C-alpha atoms as a PDB file:
ATOM      1  CA  MET A   1      10.354 -22.877 -19.657  1.00  0.00           C
ATOM      2  CA  ASN A   2       6.829 -21.057 -18.754  1.00  0.00           C
ATOM      3  CA  MET A   3       6.598 -18.676 -15.614  1.00  0.00           C
ATOM      4  CA  TYR A   4       4.078 -21.016 -13.781  1.00  0.00           C
ATOM      5  CA  ASP A   5       4.646 -24.761 -14.203  1.00  0.00           C
ATOM      6  CA  ASN A   6       1.016 -25.757 -14.139  1.00  0.00           C
ATOM      7  CA  GLU A   7      -2.635 -24.928 -13.170  1.00  0.00           C
ATOM      8  CA  ASN A   8      -2.175 -24.900  -9.465  1.00  0.00           C
ATOM      9  CA  THR A   9       0.927 -23.287  -9.261  1.00  0.00           C
ATOM     10  CA  VAL A  10      -0.514 -20.167 -11.036  1.00  0.00           C
ATOM     11  CA  HIS A  11      -3.097 -20.987  -8.092  1.00  0.00           C
ATOM     12  CA  LYS A  12      -1.676 -20.956  -5.420  1.00  0.00           C
ATOM     13  CA  SER A  13       0.573 -18.026  -6.265  1.00  0.00           C
ATOM     14  CA  PHE A  14      -3.022 -15.175  -6.250  1.00  0.00           C
ATOM     15  CA  ASN A  15      -4.416 -17.165  -3.161  1.00  0.00           C
ATOM     16  CA  ASP A  16      -3.337 -15.004  -0.109  1.00  0.00           C
ATOM     17  CA  THR A  17      -4.681 -18.558   2.033  1.00  0.00           C
ATOM     18  CA  TYR A  18      -1.616 -20.021   0.471  1.00  0.00           C
ATOM     19  CA  LEU A  19       1.098 -17.969   1.313  1.00  0.00           C
ATOM     20  CA  SER A  20       3.129 -17.637   4.952  1.00  0.00           C
ATOM     21  CA  GLU A  21       2.597 -15.015   7.191  1.00  0.00           C
ATOM     22  CA  ASP A  22       6.509 -13.913   6.980  1.00  0.00           C
ATOM     23  CA  LEU A  23       5.395 -13.518   3.361  1.00  0.00           C
ATOM     24  CA  LEU A  24       2.128 -11.433   4.059  1.00  0.00           C
ATOM     25  CA  GLN A  25       3.933  -9.562   6.587  1.00  0.00           C
ATOM     26  CA  ALA A  26       6.274  -8.636   4.160  1.00  0.00           C
ATOM     27  CA  GLN A  27       4.067  -7.643   1.629  1.00  0.00           C
ATOM     28  CA  TRP A  28       2.670  -5.360   3.879  1.00  0.00           C
ATOM     29  CA  ALA A  29       5.996  -3.858   4.570  1.00  0.00           C
ATOM     30  CA  GLU A  30       6.705  -3.066   1.014  1.00  0.00           C
ATOM     31  CA  PHE A  31       3.668  -1.774   1.101  1.00  0.00           C
ATOM     32  CA  THR A  32       4.468   0.844   3.523  1.00  0.00           C
ATOM     33  CA  GLU A  33       6.868   1.946   2.185  1.00  0.00           C
ATOM     34  CA  LEU A  34       6.092   2.520  -1.579  1.00  0.00           C
ATOM     35  CA  LYS A  35       2.903   4.442   0.212  1.00  0.00           C
ATOM     36  CA  LYS A  36       4.946   6.899   2.163  1.00  0.00           C
ATOM     37  CA  VAL A  37       7.332   6.919  -1.053  1.00  0.00           C
ATOM     38  CA  ILE A  38       3.642   7.889  -3.226  1.00  0.00           C
ATOM     39  CA  SER A  39       3.340  11.082  -0.338  1.00  0.00           C
ATOM     40  CA  GLU A  40       6.131  11.967  -0.150  1.00  0.00           C
ATOM     41  CA  VAL A  41       6.019  12.592  -4.354  1.00  0.00           C
ATOM     42  CA  TYR A  42       2.806  13.942  -3.964  1.00  0.00           C
ATOM     43  CA  LEU A  43       3.745  16.464  -1.336  1.00  0.00           C
ATOM     44  CA  ARG A  44       6.623  17.447  -3.237  1.00  0.00           C
ATOM     45  CA  LYS A  45       4.506  17.503  -6.796  1.00  0.00           C
ATOM     46  CA  GLY A  46       1.314  18.843  -5.417  1.00  0.00           C
ATOM     47  CA  ASN A  47      -0.241  16.582  -7.871  1.00  0.00           C
ATOM     48  CA  PRO A  48      -2.029  13.060  -7.435  1.00  0.00           C
ATOM     49  CA  LEU A  49       0.290  10.462  -8.799  1.00  0.00           C
ATOM     50  CA  SER A  50      -0.326   7.878 -11.780  1.00  0.00           C
ATOM     51  CA  LEU A  51       0.077   3.927 -10.717  1.00  0.00           C
ATOM     52  CA  LEU A  52       0.957   1.565 -13.722  1.00  0.00           C
ATOM     53  CA  ASP A  53       1.537  -1.702 -12.585  1.00  0.00           C
ATOM     54  CA  ILE A  54       2.904  -4.207 -15.040  1.00  0.00           C
ATOM     55  CA  GLY A  55       3.511  -6.609 -12.899  1.00  0.00           C
ATOM     56  CA  ILE A  56       1.777 -10.401 -12.995  1.00  0.00           C
ATOM     57  CA  GLY A  57      -0.371 -10.964 -10.319  1.00  0.00           C
ATOM     58  CA  SER A  58      -3.718 -10.010  -8.088  1.00  0.00           C
ATOM     59  CA  ALA A  59      -3.515  -6.729  -8.296  1.00  0.00           C
ATOM     60  CA  ARG A  60      -2.696  -6.026  -4.147  1.00  0.00           C
ATOM     61  CA  ILE A  61      -0.845  -2.773  -4.870  1.00  0.00           C
ATOM     62  CA  ALA A  62      -3.587  -1.209  -6.907  1.00  0.00           C
ATOM     63  CA  ARG A  63      -6.682  -2.318  -5.229  1.00  0.00           C
ATOM     64  CA  HIS A  64      -4.804  -1.604  -1.708  1.00  0.00           C
ATOM     65  CA  LEU A  65      -3.844   2.508  -4.078  1.00  0.00           C
ATOM     66  CA  ASN A  66      -7.010   2.625  -5.332  1.00  0.00           C
ATOM     67  CA  GLY A  67      -8.971   5.342  -3.416  1.00  0.00           C
ATOM     68  CA  ILE A  68      -5.691   7.489  -1.607  1.00  0.00           C
ATOM     69  CA  PRO A  69      -6.097  10.979  -2.100  1.00  0.00           C
ATOM     70  CA  GLU A  70      -2.492  11.106  -3.672  1.00  0.00           C
ATOM     71  CA  MET A  71      -3.405   8.768  -6.596  1.00  0.00           C
END
């Protein structure tokens, strides 16, 4: 079976308009925690980090992290 059963599912999966407020808040909380960990590692290493996003989606994490000095 395919990951997405039809084109409509794909469209709605990657469009924030169709995501519940709870899911959007959970995603933002997850992102905030990720930024904290990245900052901690950056401070320990003293060098910017590289991030490889191999997930399927809208590149939400990569878009939000772009331009952050720790990256």
